[in-house]
Amino acid sequence: MEHAIRWAQRITGSGWLTYDRTEFLANIAMFVPVGMLAALWLPRRWWLLGAVVAVGLSIGIEQYQGAFLPNRVSDPRDVLSNGLGGLLGATLVGLFRSLLPAPRRRRLRPRTV
C-alpha cells in the first residue's frame, strides 16, 4: 500500500495523499455498495435508511474488531468514512429512483363472470 501511495505522490507532485487519507477514501469506496444494496432492498421512499444500515453494520464491525481481534484497532474514523460511503451509495440509489417513473400499482378488481 505504501508503494502505491508513494507512486501517486510522485505523479501528483504533492504529499496530500497520505496513508490515513488513502484508508479513509478506501473505506468510503468500500461502503458505497452497502448503502446502494440497502437502499435497493428498502421501499422506494425509505432510501435514506440505507445509510443508517451501513452505519449500523460499520459499528458492528468495529465492535467486533475491538472485542475479538487483538491485532486490529477499532477506530471511530472508520465508522465515519464507512457511513459516508453508505450515505453516498444510498443517495445515488435515491437519485436514480427519483428519475424513474413511479411503479404503477395494480388494482385488484373482482372478476366478473
PDB file of N, CA and C in Angstrom:
ATOM      1  N   MET A   1       0.816  -1.176   0.000  1.00  0.00           N
ATOM      2  CA  MET A   1       0.000   0.000   0.000  1.00  0.00           C
ATOM      3  C   MET A   1       0.872   1.257   0.000  1.00  0.00           C
ATOM      4  N   GLU A   2       1.916   1.243   0.792  1.00  0.00           N
ATOM      5  CA  GLU A   2       2.786   2.417   0.852  1.00  0.00           C
ATOM      6  C   GLU A   2       3.458   2.685  -0.490  1.00  0.00           C
ATOM      7  N   HIS A   3       3.789   1.621  -1.212  1.00  0.00           N
ATOM      8  CA  HIS A   3       4.391   1.778  -2.536  1.00  0.00           C
ATOM      9  C   HIS A   3       3.417   2.495  -3.472  1.00  0.00           C
ATOM     10  N   ALA A   4       2.159   2.106  -3.431  1.00  0.00           N
ATOM     11  CA  ALA A   4       1.146   2.743  -4.277  1.00  0.00           C
ATOM     12  C   ALA A   4       0.957   4.206  -3.894  1.00  0.00           C
ATOM     13  N   ILE A   5       1.005   4.501  -2.613  1.00  0.00           N
ATOM     14  CA  ILE A   5       0.855   5.891  -2.161  1.00  0.00           C
ATOM     15  C   ILE A   5       2.035   6.731  -2.625  1.00  0.00           C
ATOM     16  N   ARG A   6       3.252   6.201  -2.489  1.00  0.00           N
ATOM     17  CA  ARG A   6       4.434   6.942  -2.967  1.00  0.00           C
ATOM     18  C   ARG A   6       4.363   7.186  -4.468  1.00  0.00           C
ATOM     19  N   TRP A   7       3.897   6.175  -5.211  1.00  0.00           N
ATOM     20  CA  TRP A   7       3.744   6.313  -6.663  1.00  0.00           C
ATOM     21  C   TRP A   7       2.754   7.431  -6.987  1.00  0.00           C
ATOM     22  N   ALA A   8       1.619   7.462  -6.286  1.00  0.00           N
ATOM     23  CA  ALA A   8       0.619   8.505  -6.525  1.00  0.00           C
ATOM     24  C   ALA A   8       1.159   9.875  -6.138  1.00  0.00           C
ATOM     25  N   GLN A   9       1.952   9.949  -5.096  1.00  0.00           N
ATOM     26  CA  GLN A   9       2.543  11.226  -4.697  1.00  0.00           C
ATOM     27  C   GLN A   9       3.521  11.735  -5.747  1.00  0.00           C
ATOM     28  N   ARG A  10       4.277  10.826  -6.362  1.00  0.00           N
ATOM     29  CA  ARG A  10       5.200  11.242  -7.426  1.00  0.00           C
ATOM     30  C   ARG A  10       4.430  11.782  -8.620  1.00  0.00           C
ATOM     31  N   ILE A  11       3.330  11.125  -8.976  1.00  0.00           N
ATOM     32  CA  ILE A  11       2.558  11.560 -10.143  1.00  0.00           C
ATOM     33  C   ILE A  11       1.917  12.921  -9.895  1.00  0.00           C
ATOM     34  N   THR A  12       1.301  13.097  -8.729  1.00  0.00           N
ATOM     35  CA  THR A  12       0.614  14.358  -8.448  1.00  0.00           C
ATOM     36  C   THR A  12       1.568  15.463  -8.025  1.00  0.00           C
ATOM     37  N   GLY A  13       2.752  15.082  -7.568  1.00  0.00           N
ATOM     38  CA  GLY A  13       3.716  16.086  -7.145  1.00  0.00           C
ATOM     39  C   GLY A  13       3.374  16.720  -5.811  1.00  0.00           C
ATOM     40  N   SER A  14       2.537  16.042  -5.020  1.00  0.00           N
ATOM     41  CA  SER A  14       2.185  16.612  -3.724  1.00  0.00           C
ATOM     42  C   SER A  14       2.152  15.515  -2.673  1.00  0.00           C
ATOM     43  N   GLY A  15       2.267  15.933  -1.441  1.00  0.00           N
ATOM     44  CA  GLY A  15       2.205  14.995  -0.330  1.00  0.00           C
ATOM     45  C   GLY A  15       0.814  14.896   0.262  1.00  0.00           C
ATOM     46  N   TRP A  16      -0.195  15.373  -0.486  1.00  0.00           N
ATOM     47  CA  TRP A  16      -1.562  15.358   0.029  1.00  0.00           C
ATOM     48  C   TRP A  16      -2.047  13.943   0.291  1.00  0.00           C
ATOM     49  N   LEU A  17      -1.647  13.002  -0.552  1.00  0.00           N
ATOM     50  CA  LEU A  17      -2.138  11.634  -0.444  1.00  0.00           C
ATOM     51  C   LEU A  17      -1.291  10.868   0.567  1.00  0.00           C
ATOM     52  N   THR A  18      -1.807  10.755   1.781  1.00  0.00           N
ATOM     53  CA  THR A  18      -1.113  10.032   2.845  1.00  0.00           C
ATOM     54  C   THR A  18      -1.798   8.688   3.072  1.00  0.00           C
ATOM     55  N   TYR A  19      -1.198   7.868   3.920  1.00  0.00           N
ATOM     56  CA  TYR A  19      -1.789   6.568   4.232  1.00  0.00           C
ATOM     57  C   TYR A  19      -3.157   6.744   4.887  1.00  0.00           C
ATOM     58  N   ASP A  20      -3.276   7.683   5.827  1.00  0.00           N
ATOM     59  CA  ASP A  20      -4.552   7.901   6.513  1.00  0.00           C
ATOM     60  C   ASP A  20      -5.641   8.347   5.546  1.00  0.00           C
ATOM     61  N   ARG A  21      -5.301   9.254   4.642  1.00  0.00           N
ATOM     62  CA  ARG A  21      -6.300   9.712   3.665  1.00  0.00           C
ATOM     63  C   ARG A  21      -6.679   8.601   2.699  1.00  0.00           C
ATOM     64  N   THR A  22      -5.703   7.810   2.303  1.00  0.00           N
ATOM     65  CA  THR A  22      -5.987   6.692   1.405  1.00  0.00           C
ATOM     66  C   THR A  22      -6.914   5.693   2.080  1.00  0.00           C
ATOM     67  N   GLU A  23      -6.646   5.383   3.337  1.00  0.00           N
ATOM     68  CA  GLU A  23      -7.503   4.457   4.077  1.00  0.00           C
ATOM     69  C   GLU A  23      -8.911   5.026   4.229  1.00  0.00           C
ATOM     70  N   PHE A  24      -9.015   6.320   4.514  1.00  0.00           N
ATOM     71  CA  PHE A  24     -10.316   6.972   4.662  1.00  0.00           C
ATOM     72  C   PHE A  24     -11.115   6.873   3.364  1.00  0.00           C
ATOM     73  N   LEU A  25     -10.462   7.199   2.238  1.00  0.00           N
ATOM     74  CA  LEU A  25     -11.141   7.137   0.939  1.00  0.00           C
ATOM     75  C   LEU A  25     -11.494   5.702   0.555  1.00  0.00           C
ATOM     76  N   ALA A  26     -10.634   4.759   0.899  1.00  0.00           N
ATOM     77  CA  ALA A  26     -10.921   3.351   0.604  1.00  0.00           C
ATOM     78  C   ALA A  26     -12.121   2.862   1.409  1.00  0.00           C
ATOM     79  N   ASN A  27     -12.236   3.299   2.656  1.00  0.00           N
ATOM     80  CA  ASN A  27     -13.397   2.913   3.463  1.00  0.00           C
ATOM     81  C   ASN A  27     -14.682   3.501   2.899  1.00  0.00           C
ATOM     82  N   ILE A  28     -14.617   4.717   2.389  1.00  0.00           N
ATOM     83  CA  ILE A  28     -15.798   5.302   1.744  1.00  0.00           C
ATOM     84  C   ILE A  28     -16.189   4.452   0.545  1.00  0.00           C
ATOM     85  N   ALA A  29     -15.211   4.161  -0.308  1.00  0.00           N
ATOM     86  CA  ALA A  29     -15.490   3.381  -1.520  1.00  0.00           C
ATOM     87  C   ALA A  29     -16.017   1.987  -1.184  1.00  0.00           C
ATOM     88  N   MET A  30     -15.519   1.403  -0.110  1.00  0.00           N
ATOM     89  CA  MET A  30     -15.924   0.051   0.256  1.00  0.00           C
ATOM     90  C   MET A  30     -17.389  -0.007   0.699  1.00  0.00           C
ATOM     91  N   PHE A  31     -17.918   1.065   1.273  1.00  0.00           N
ATOM     92  CA  PHE A  31     -19.283   1.030   1.783  1.00  0.00           C
ATOM     93  C   PHE A  31     -20.309   1.653   0.842  1.00  0.00           C
ATOM     94  N   VAL A  32     -19.887   2.186  -0.292  1.00  0.00           N
ATOM     95  CA  VAL A  32     -20.858   2.677  -1.281  1.00  0.00           C
ATOM     96  C   VAL A  32     -21.795   1.550  -1.721  1.00  0.00           C
ATOM     97  N   PRO A  33     -21.284   0.362  -2.066  1.00  0.00           N
ATOM     98  CA  PRO A  33     -22.203  -0.720  -2.454  1.00  0.00           C
ATOM     99  C   PRO A  33     -23.122  -1.168  -1.319  1.00  0.00           C
ATOM    100  N   VAL A  34     -22.654  -1.082  -0.084  1.00  0.00           N
ATOM    101  CA  VAL A  34     -23.503  -1.461   1.055  1.00  0.00           C
ATOM    102  C   VAL A  34     -24.710  -0.531   1.130  1.00  0.00           C
ATOM    103  N   GLY A  35     -24.472   0.767   1.024  1.00  0.00           N
ATOM    104  CA  GLY A  35     -25.570   1.734   1.037  1.00  0.00           C
ATOM    105  C   GLY A  35     -26.501   1.555  -0.148  1.00  0.00           C
ATOM    106  N   MET A  36     -25.927   1.238  -1.310  1.00  0.00           N
ATOM    107  CA  MET A  36     -26.753   1.027  -2.504  1.00  0.00           C
ATOM    108  C   MET A  36     -27.646  -0.197  -2.342  1.00  0.00           C
ATOM    109  N   LEU A  37     -27.067  -1.302  -1.902  1.00  0.00           N
ATOM    110  CA  LEU A  37     -27.853  -2.525  -1.744  1.00  0.00           C
ATOM    111  C   LEU A  37     -28.935  -2.359  -0.683  1.00  0.00           C
ATOM    112  N   ALA A  38     -28.595  -1.710   0.415  1.00  0.00           N
ATOM    113  CA  ALA A  38     -29.595  -1.487   1.460  1.00  0.00           C
ATOM    114  C   ALA A  38     -30.725  -0.604   0.942  1.00  0.00           C
ATOM    115  N   ALA A  39     -30.396   0.442   0.197  1.00  0.00           N
ATOM    116  CA  ALA A  39     -31.426   1.335  -0.339  1.00  0.00           C
ATOM    117  C   ALA A  39     -32.289   0.630  -1.379  1.00  0.00           C
ATOM    118  N   LEU A  40     -31.692  -0.249  -2.164  1.00  0.00           N
ATOM    119  CA  LEU A  40     -32.474  -1.007  -3.149  1.00  0.00           C
ATOM    120  C   LEU A  40     -33.390  -2.023  -2.476  1.00  0.00           C
ATOM    121  N   TRP A  41     -32.959  -2.553  -1.356  1.00  0.00           N
ATOM    122  CA  TRP A  41     -33.739  -3.551  -0.637  1.00  0.00           C
ATOM    123  C   TRP A  41     -34.940  -2.906   0.057  1.00  0.00           C
ATOM    124  N   LEU A  42     -34.802  -1.646   0.456  1.00  0.00           N
ATOM    125  CA  LEU A  42     -35.861  -0.938   1.176  1.00  0.00           C
ATOM    126  C   LEU A  42     -36.893  -0.369   0.206  1.00  0.00           C
ATOM    127  N   PRO A  43     -38.085  -0.049   0.712  1.00  0.00           N
ATOM    128  CA  PRO A  43     -39.072   0.612  -0.146  1.00  0.00           C
ATOM    129  C   PRO A  43     -38.524   1.930  -0.703  1.00  0.00           C
ATOM    130  N   ARG A  44     -39.070   2.321  -1.817  1.00  0.00           N
ATOM    131  CA  ARG A  44     -38.579   3.474  -2.574  1.00  0.00           C
ATOM    132  C   ARG A  44     -38.430   4.741  -1.735  1.00  0.00           C
ATOM    133  N   ARG A  45     -39.377   5.053  -0.897  1.00  0.00           N
ATOM    134  CA  ARG A  45     -39.344   6.295  -0.114  1.00  0.00           C
ATOM    135  C   ARG A  45     -38.373   6.240   1.060  1.00  0.00           C
ATOM    136  N   TRP A  46     -37.892   5.073   1.400  1.00  0.00           N
ATOM    137  CA  TRP A  46     -37.061   4.899   2.583  1.00  0.00           C
ATOM    138  C   TRP A  46     -35.585   4.746   2.224  1.00  0.00           C
ATOM    139  N   TRP A  47     -35.158   5.250   1.082  1.00  0.00           N
ATOM    140  CA  TRP A  47     -33.800   5.047   0.592  1.00  0.00           C
ATOM    141  C   TRP A  47     -32.742   5.533   1.578  1.00  0.00           C
ATOM    142  N   LEU A  48     -33.026   6.608   2.311  1.00  0.00           N
ATOM    143  CA  LEU A  48     -32.040   7.175   3.225  1.00  0.00           C
ATOM    144  C   LEU A  48     -31.717   6.220   4.376  1.00  0.00           C
ATOM    145  N   LEU A  49     -32.640   5.331   4.677  1.00  0.00           N
ATOM    146  CA  LEU A  49     -32.390   4.342   5.717  1.00  0.00           C
ATOM    147  C   LEU A  49     -31.239   3.409   5.323  1.00  0.00           C
ATOM    148  N   GLY A  50     -30.924   3.341   4.032  1.00  0.00           N
ATOM    149  CA  GLY A  50     -29.777   2.556   3.577  1.00  0.00           C
ATOM    150  C   GLY A  50     -28.476   3.033   4.205  1.00  0.00           C
ATOM    151  N   ALA A  51     -28.345   4.336   4.402  1.00  0.00           N
ATOM    152  CA  ALA A  51     -27.147   4.879   5.059  1.00  0.00           C
ATOM    153  C   ALA A  51     -27.117   4.475   6.525  1.00  0.00           C
ATOM    154  N   VAL A  52     -28.275   4.447   7.160  1.00  0.00           N
ATOM    155  CA  VAL A  52     -28.349   4.041   8.566  1.00  0.00           C
ATOM    156  C   VAL A  52     -27.943   2.572   8.709  1.00  0.00           C
ATOM    157  N   VAL A  53     -28.380   1.743   7.765  1.00  0.00           N
ATOM    158  CA  VAL A  53     -27.992   0.327   7.768  1.00  0.00           C
ATOM    159  C   VAL A  53     -26.473   0.206   7.642  1.00  0.00           C
ATOM    160  N   ALA A  54     -25.880   0.995   6.757  1.00  0.00           N
ATOM    161  CA  ALA A  54     -24.422   0.955   6.562  1.00  0.00           C
ATOM    162  C   ALA A  54     -23.686   1.379   7.832  1.00  0.00           C
ATOM    163  N   VAL A  55     -24.166   2.415   8.500  1.00  0.00           N
ATOM    164  CA  VAL A  55     -23.531   2.863   9.746  1.00  0.00           C
ATOM    165  C   VAL A  55     -23.665   1.782  10.819  1.00  0.00           C
ATOM    166  N   GLY A  56     -24.843   1.174  10.912  1.00  0.00           N
ATOM    167  CA  GLY A  56     -25.033   0.097  11.883  1.00  0.00           C
ATOM    168  C   GLY A  56     -24.095  -1.072  11.635  1.00  0.00           C
ATOM    169  N   LEU A  57     -23.937  -1.445  10.370  1.00  0.00           N
ATOM    170  CA  LEU A  57     -23.014  -2.520  10.019  1.00  0.00           C
ATOM    171  C   LEU A  57     -21.576  -2.136  10.376  1.00  0.00           C
ATOM    172  N   SER A  58     -21.210  -0.904  10.099  1.00  0.00           N
ATOM    173  CA  SER A  58     -19.858  -0.435  10.404  1.00  0.00           C
ATOM    174  C   SER A  58     -19.598  -0.441  11.908  1.00  0.00           C
ATOM    175  N   ILE A  59     -20.564  -0.002  12.689  1.00  0.00           N
ATOM    176  CA  ILE A  59     -20.407  -0.022  14.149  1.00  0.00           C
ATOM    177  C   ILE A  59     -20.235  -1.458  14.633  1.00  0.00           C
ATOM    178  N   GLY A  60     -21.026  -2.367  14.074  1.00  0.00           N
ATOM    179  CA  GLY A  60     -20.893  -3.775  14.445  1.00  0.00           C
ATOM    180  C   GLY A  60     -19.518  -4.332  14.115  1.00  0.00           C
ATOM    181  N   ILE A  61     -19.006  -3.993  12.947  1.00  0.00           N
ATOM    182  CA  ILE A  61     -17.672  -4.452  12.544  1.00  0.00           C
ATOM    183  C   ILE A  61     -16.606  -3.904  13.489  1.00  0.00           C
ATOM    184  N   GLU A  62     -16.690  -2.623  13.807  1.00  0.00           N
ATOM    185  CA  GLU A  62     -15.698  -2.012  14.698  1.00  0.00           C
ATOM    186  C   GLU A  62     -15.778  -2.602  16.106  1.00  0.00           C
ATOM    187  N   GLN A  63     -16.986  -2.874  16.582  1.00  0.00           N
ATOM    188  CA  GLN A  63     -17.139  -3.504  17.897  1.00  0.00           C
ATOM    189  C   GLN A  63     -16.520  -4.897  17.905  1.00  0.00           C
ATOM    190  N   TYR A  64     -16.745  -5.639  16.836  1.00  0.00           N
ATOM    191  CA  TYR A  64     -16.178  -6.982  16.720  1.00  0.00           C
ATOM    192  C   TYR A  64     -14.648  -6.920  16.705  1.00  0.00           C
ATOM    193  N   GLN A  65     -14.108  -5.986  15.937  1.00  0.00           N
ATOM    194  CA  GLN A  65     -12.648  -5.836  15.875  1.00  0.00           C
ATOM    195  C   GLN A  65     -12.073  -5.511  17.248  1.00  0.00           C
ATOM    196  N   GLY A  66     -12.724  -4.600  17.949  1.00  0.00           N
ATOM    197  CA  GLY A  66     -12.231  -4.207  19.266  1.00  0.00           C
ATOM    198  C   GLY A  66     -12.310  -5.329  20.289  1.00  0.00           C
ATOM    199  N   ALA A  67     -13.317  -6.187  20.162  1.00  0.00           N
ATOM    200  CA  ALA A  67     -13.527  -7.233  21.162  1.00  0.00           C
ATOM    201  C   ALA A  67     -12.767  -8.521  20.864  1.00  0.00           C
ATOM    202  N   PHE A  68     -12.676  -8.903  19.584  1.00  0.00           N
ATOM    203  CA  PHE A  68     -12.186 -10.241  19.259  1.00  0.00           C
ATOM    204  C   PHE A  68     -10.917 -10.298  18.406  1.00  0.00           C
ATOM    205  N   LEU A  69     -10.476  -9.186  17.873  1.00  0.00           N
ATOM    206  CA  LEU A  69      -9.284  -9.191  17.024  1.00  0.00           C
ATOM    207  C   LEU A  69      -8.216  -8.296  17.649  1.00  0.00           C
ATOM    208  N   PRO A  70      -7.344  -8.869  18.468  1.00  0.00           N
ATOM    209  CA  PRO A  70      -6.374  -8.041  19.193  1.00  0.00           C
ATOM    210  C   PRO A  70      -5.363  -7.332  18.287  1.00  0.00           C
ATOM    211  N   ASN A  71      -5.136  -7.841  17.086  1.00  0.00           N
ATOM    212  CA  ASN A  71      -4.181  -7.202  16.177  1.00  0.00           C
ATOM    213  C   ASN A  71      -4.798  -6.055  15.391  1.00  0.00           C
ATOM    214  N   ARG A  72      -6.110  -5.893  15.478  1.00  0.00           N
ATOM    215  CA  ARG A  72      -6.800  -4.822  14.753  1.00  0.00           C
ATOM    216  C   ARG A  72      -7.166  -3.704  15.718  1.00  0.00           C
ATOM    217  N   VAL A  73      -7.216  -2.500  15.208  1.00  0.00           N
ATOM    218  CA  VAL A  73      -7.564  -1.341  16.025  1.00  0.00           C
ATOM    219  C   VAL A  73      -8.943  -0.856  15.607  1.00  0.00           C
ATOM    220  N   SER A  74      -9.818  -0.719  16.574  1.00  0.00           N
ATOM    221  CA  SER A  74     -11.140  -0.164  16.316  1.00  0.00           C
ATOM    222  C   SER A  74     -11.015   1.359  16.284  1.00  0.00           C
ATOM    223  N   ASP A  75     -11.486   1.982  15.206  1.00  0.00           N
ATOM    224  CA  ASP A  75     -11.278   3.413  15.016  1.00  0.00           C
ATOM    225  C   ASP A  75     -12.593   4.089  14.640  1.00  0.00           C
ATOM    226  N   PRO A  76     -13.012   5.124  15.384  1.00  0.00           N
ATOM    227  CA  PRO A  76     -14.257   5.824  15.047  1.00  0.00           C
ATOM    228  C   PRO A  76     -14.213   6.501  13.673  1.00  0.00           C
ATOM    229  N   ARG A  77     -13.019   6.811  13.182  1.00  0.00           N
ATOM    230  CA  ARG A  77     -12.923   7.397  11.836  1.00  0.00           C
ATOM    231  C   ARG A  77     -13.385   6.406  10.776  1.00  0.00           C
ATOM    232  N   ASP A  78     -13.196   5.115  11.052  1.00  0.00           N
ATOM    233  CA  ASP A  78     -13.686   4.100  10.117  1.00  0.00           C
ATOM    234  C   ASP A  78     -15.209   4.121  10.051  1.00  0.00           C
ATOM    235  N   VAL A  79     -15.856   4.292  11.207  1.00  0.00           N
ATOM    236  CA  VAL A  79     -17.321   4.374  11.224  1.00  0.00           C
ATOM    237  C   VAL A  79     -17.773   5.595  10.423  1.00  0.00           C
ATOM    238  N   LEU A  80     -17.071   6.716  10.596  1.00  0.00           N
ATOM    239  CA  LEU A  80     -17.414   7.932   9.853  1.00  0.00           C
ATOM    240  C   LEU A  80     -17.254   7.725   8.353  1.00  0.00           C
ATOM    241  N   SER A  81     -16.110   7.200   7.934  1.00  0.00           N
ATOM    242  CA  SER A  81     -15.880   7.033   6.496  1.00  0.00           C
ATOM    243  C   SER A  81     -16.807   5.972   5.907  1.00  0.00           C
ATOM    244  N   ASN A  82     -17.055   4.891   6.638  1.00  0.00           N
ATOM    245  CA  ASN A  82     -17.986   3.880   6.150  1.00  0.00           C
ATOM    246  C   ASN A  82     -19.394   4.455   6.050  1.00  0.00           C
ATOM    247  N   GLY A  83     -19.772   5.265   7.037  1.00  0.00           N
ATOM    248  CA  GLY A  83     -21.087   5.906   6.996  1.00  0.00           C
ATOM    249  C   GLY A  83     -21.227   6.860   5.822  1.00  0.00           C
ATOM    250  N   LEU A  84     -20.158   7.597   5.525  1.00  0.00           N
ATOM    251  CA  LEU A  84     -20.191   8.485   4.355  1.00  0.00           C
ATOM    252  C   LEU A  84     -20.339   7.687   3.063  1.00  0.00           C
ATOM    253  N   GLY A  85     -19.654   6.552   2.988  1.00  0.00           N
ATOM    254  CA  GLY A  85     -19.796   5.689   1.815  1.00  0.00           C
ATOM    255  C   GLY A  85     -21.204   5.138   1.695  1.00  0.00           C
ATOM    256  N   GLY A  86     -21.775   4.709   2.823  1.00  0.00           N
ATOM    257  CA  GLY A  86     -23.154   4.224   2.807  1.00  0.00           C
ATOM    258  C   GLY A  86     -24.131   5.311   2.404  1.00  0.00           C
ATOM    259  N   LEU A  87     -23.913   6.530   2.907  1.00  0.00           N
ATOM    260  CA  LEU A  87     -24.768   7.659   2.536  1.00  0.00           C
ATOM    261  C   LEU A  87     -24.644   7.968   1.050  1.00  0.00           C
ATOM    262  N   LEU A  88     -23.432   7.938   0.529  1.00  0.00           N
ATOM    263  CA  LEU A  88     -23.225   8.187  -0.898  1.00  0.00           C
ATOM    264  C   LEU A  88     -23.939   7.135  -1.738  1.00  0.00           C
ATOM    265  N   GLY A  89     -23.790   5.865  -1.363  1.00  0.00           N
ATOM    266  CA  GLY A  89     -24.449   4.795  -2.110  1.00  0.00           C
ATOM    267  C   GLY A  89     -25.959   4.898  -2.055  1.00  0.00           C
ATOM    268  N   ALA A  90     -26.508   5.150  -0.861  1.00  0.00           N
ATOM    269  CA  ALA A  90     -27.957   5.278  -0.719  1.00  0.00           C
ATOM    270  C   ALA A  90     -28.473   6.494  -1.486  1.00  0.00           C
ATOM    271  N   THR A  91     -27.710   7.586  -1.465  1.00  0.00           N
ATOM    272  CA  THR A  91     -28.113   8.792  -2.192  1.00  0.00           C
ATOM    273  C   THR A  91     -28.129   8.548  -3.693  1.00  0.00           C
ATOM    274  N   LEU A  92     -27.144   7.829  -4.201  1.00  0.00           N
ATOM    275  CA  LEU A  92     -27.132   7.506  -5.633  1.00  0.00           C
ATOM    276  C   LEU A  92     -28.370   6.713  -6.025  1.00  0.00           C
ATOM    277  N   VAL A  93     -28.747   5.742  -5.196  1.00  0.00           N
ATOM    278  CA  VAL A  93     -29.958   4.962  -5.475  1.00  0.00           C
ATOM    279  C   VAL A  93     -31.186   5.855  -5.395  1.00  0.00           C
ATOM    280  N   GLY A  94     -31.252   6.716  -4.367  1.00  0.00           N
ATOM    281  CA  GLY A  94     -32.385   7.625  -4.237  1.00  0.00           C
ATOM    282  C   GLY A  94     -32.516   8.556  -5.430  1.00  0.00           C
ATOM    283  N   LEU A  95     -31.400   9.097  -5.903  1.00  0.00           N
ATOM    284  CA  LEU A  95     -31.432   9.979  -7.076  1.00  0.00           C
ATOM    285  C   LEU A  95     -31.841   9.219  -8.329  1.00  0.00           C
ATOM    286  N   PHE A  96     -31.283   8.038  -8.508  1.00  0.00           N
ATOM    287  CA  PHE A  96     -31.622   7.232  -9.680  1.00  0.00           C
ATOM    288  C   PHE A  96     -33.101   6.866  -9.672  1.00  0.00           C
ATOM    289  N   ARG A  97     -33.603   6.459  -8.516  1.00  0.00           N
ATOM    290  CA  ARG A  97     -35.023   6.099  -8.430  1.00  0.00           C
ATOM    291  C   ARG A  97     -35.923   7.305  -8.658  1.00  0.00           C
ATOM    292  N   SER A  98     -35.471   8.493  -8.272  1.00  0.00           N
ATOM    293  CA  SER A  98     -36.303   9.682  -8.475  1.00  0.00           C
ATOM    294  C   SER A  98     -36.419  10.036  -9.953  1.00  0.00           C
ATOM    295  N   LEU A  99     -35.461   9.595 -10.755  1.00  0.00           N
ATOM    296  CA  LEU A  99     -35.520   9.855 -12.192  1.00  0.00           C
ATOM    297  C   LEU A  99     -36.434   8.875 -12.919  1.00  0.00           C
ATOM    298  N   LEU A 100     -36.703   7.747 -12.290  1.00  0.00           N
ATOM    299  CA  LEU A 100     -37.569   6.738 -12.902  1.00  0.00           C
ATOM    300  C   LEU A 100     -39.020   7.038 -12.572  1.00  0.00           C
ATOM    301  N   PRO A 101     -39.932   6.668 -13.466  1.00  0.00           N
ATOM    302  CA  PRO A 101     -41.342   6.853 -13.126  1.00  0.00           C
ATOM    303  C   PRO A 101     -41.723   5.941 -11.961  1.00  0.00           C
ATOM    304  N   ALA A 102     -42.678   6.402 -11.178  1.00  0.00           N
ATOM    305  CA  ALA A 102     -43.140   5.598 -10.041  1.00  0.00           C
ATOM    306  C   ALA A 102     -43.774   4.316 -10.563  1.00  0.00           C
ATOM    307  N   PRO A 103     -43.577   3.226  -9.850  1.00  0.00           N
ATOM    308  CA  PRO A 103     -44.184   1.978 -10.313  1.00  0.00           C
ATOM    309  C   PRO A 103     -45.704   2.077 -10.277  1.00  0.00           C
ATOM    310  N   ARG A 104     -46.329   1.490 -11.277  1.00  0.00           N
ATOM    311  CA  ARG A 104     -47.792   1.520 -11.344  1.00  0.00           C
ATOM    312  C   ARG A 104     -48.342   0.475 -10.398  1.00  0.00           C
ATOM    313  N   ARG A 105     -49.352   0.881  -9.690  1.00  0.00           N
ATOM    314  CA  ARG A 105     -49.996  -0.059  -8.773  1.00  0.00           C
ATOM    315  C   ARG A 105     -51.150  -0.725  -9.496  1.00  0.00           C
ATOM    316  N   ARG A 106     -51.190  -2.009  -9.337  1.00  0.00           N
ATOM    317  CA  ARG A 106     -52.289  -2.758  -9.947  1.00  0.00           C
ATOM    318  C   ARG A 106     -53.443  -2.801  -8.969  1.00  0.00           C
ATOM    319  N   ARG A 107     -54.589  -2.460  -9.454  1.00  0.00           N
ATOM    320  CA  ARG A 107     -55.775  -2.539  -8.614  1.00  0.00           C
ATOM    321  C   ARG A 107     -56.382  -3.917  -8.763  1.00  0.00           C
ATOM    322  N   LEU A 108     -56.711  -4.450  -7.652  1.00  0.00           N
ATOM    323  CA  LEU A 108     -57.368  -5.746  -7.672  1.00  0.00           C
ATOM    324  C   LEU A 108     -58.873  -5.527  -7.769  1.00  0.00           C
ATOM    325  N   ARG A 109     -59.436  -5.972  -8.846  1.00  0.00           N
ATOM    326  CA  ARG A 109     -60.884  -5.866  -9.042  1.00  0.00           C
ATOM    327  C   ARG A 109     -61.483  -7.258  -9.004  1.00  0.00           C
ATOM    328  N   PRO A 110     -62.656  -7.336  -8.483  1.00  0.00           N
ATOM    329  CA  PRO A 110     -63.294  -8.650  -8.522  1.00  0.00           C
ATOM    330  C   PRO A 110     -63.592  -9.038  -9.965  1.00  0.00           C
ATOM    331  N   ARG A 111     -63.369 -10.284 -10.257  1.00  0.00           N
ATOM    332  CA  ARG A 111     -63.641 -10.763 -11.617  1.00  0.00           C
ATOM    333  C   ARG A 111     -65.141 -10.835 -11.862  1.00  0.00           C
ATOM    334  N   THR A 112     -65.485 -10.430 -13.030  1.00  0.00           N
ATOM    335  CA  THR A 112     -66.895 -10.572 -13.426  1.00  0.00           C
ATOM    336  C   THR A 112     -67.006 -11.762 -14.349  1.00  0.00           C
ATOM    337  N   VAL A 113     -68.000 -12.543 -14.104  1.00  0.00           N
ATOM    338  CA  VAL A 113     -68.177 -13.755 -14.903  1.00  0.00           C
ATOM    339  C   VAL A 113     -69.245 -13.567 -15.924  1.00  0.00           C
TER     340      VAL A 113
END
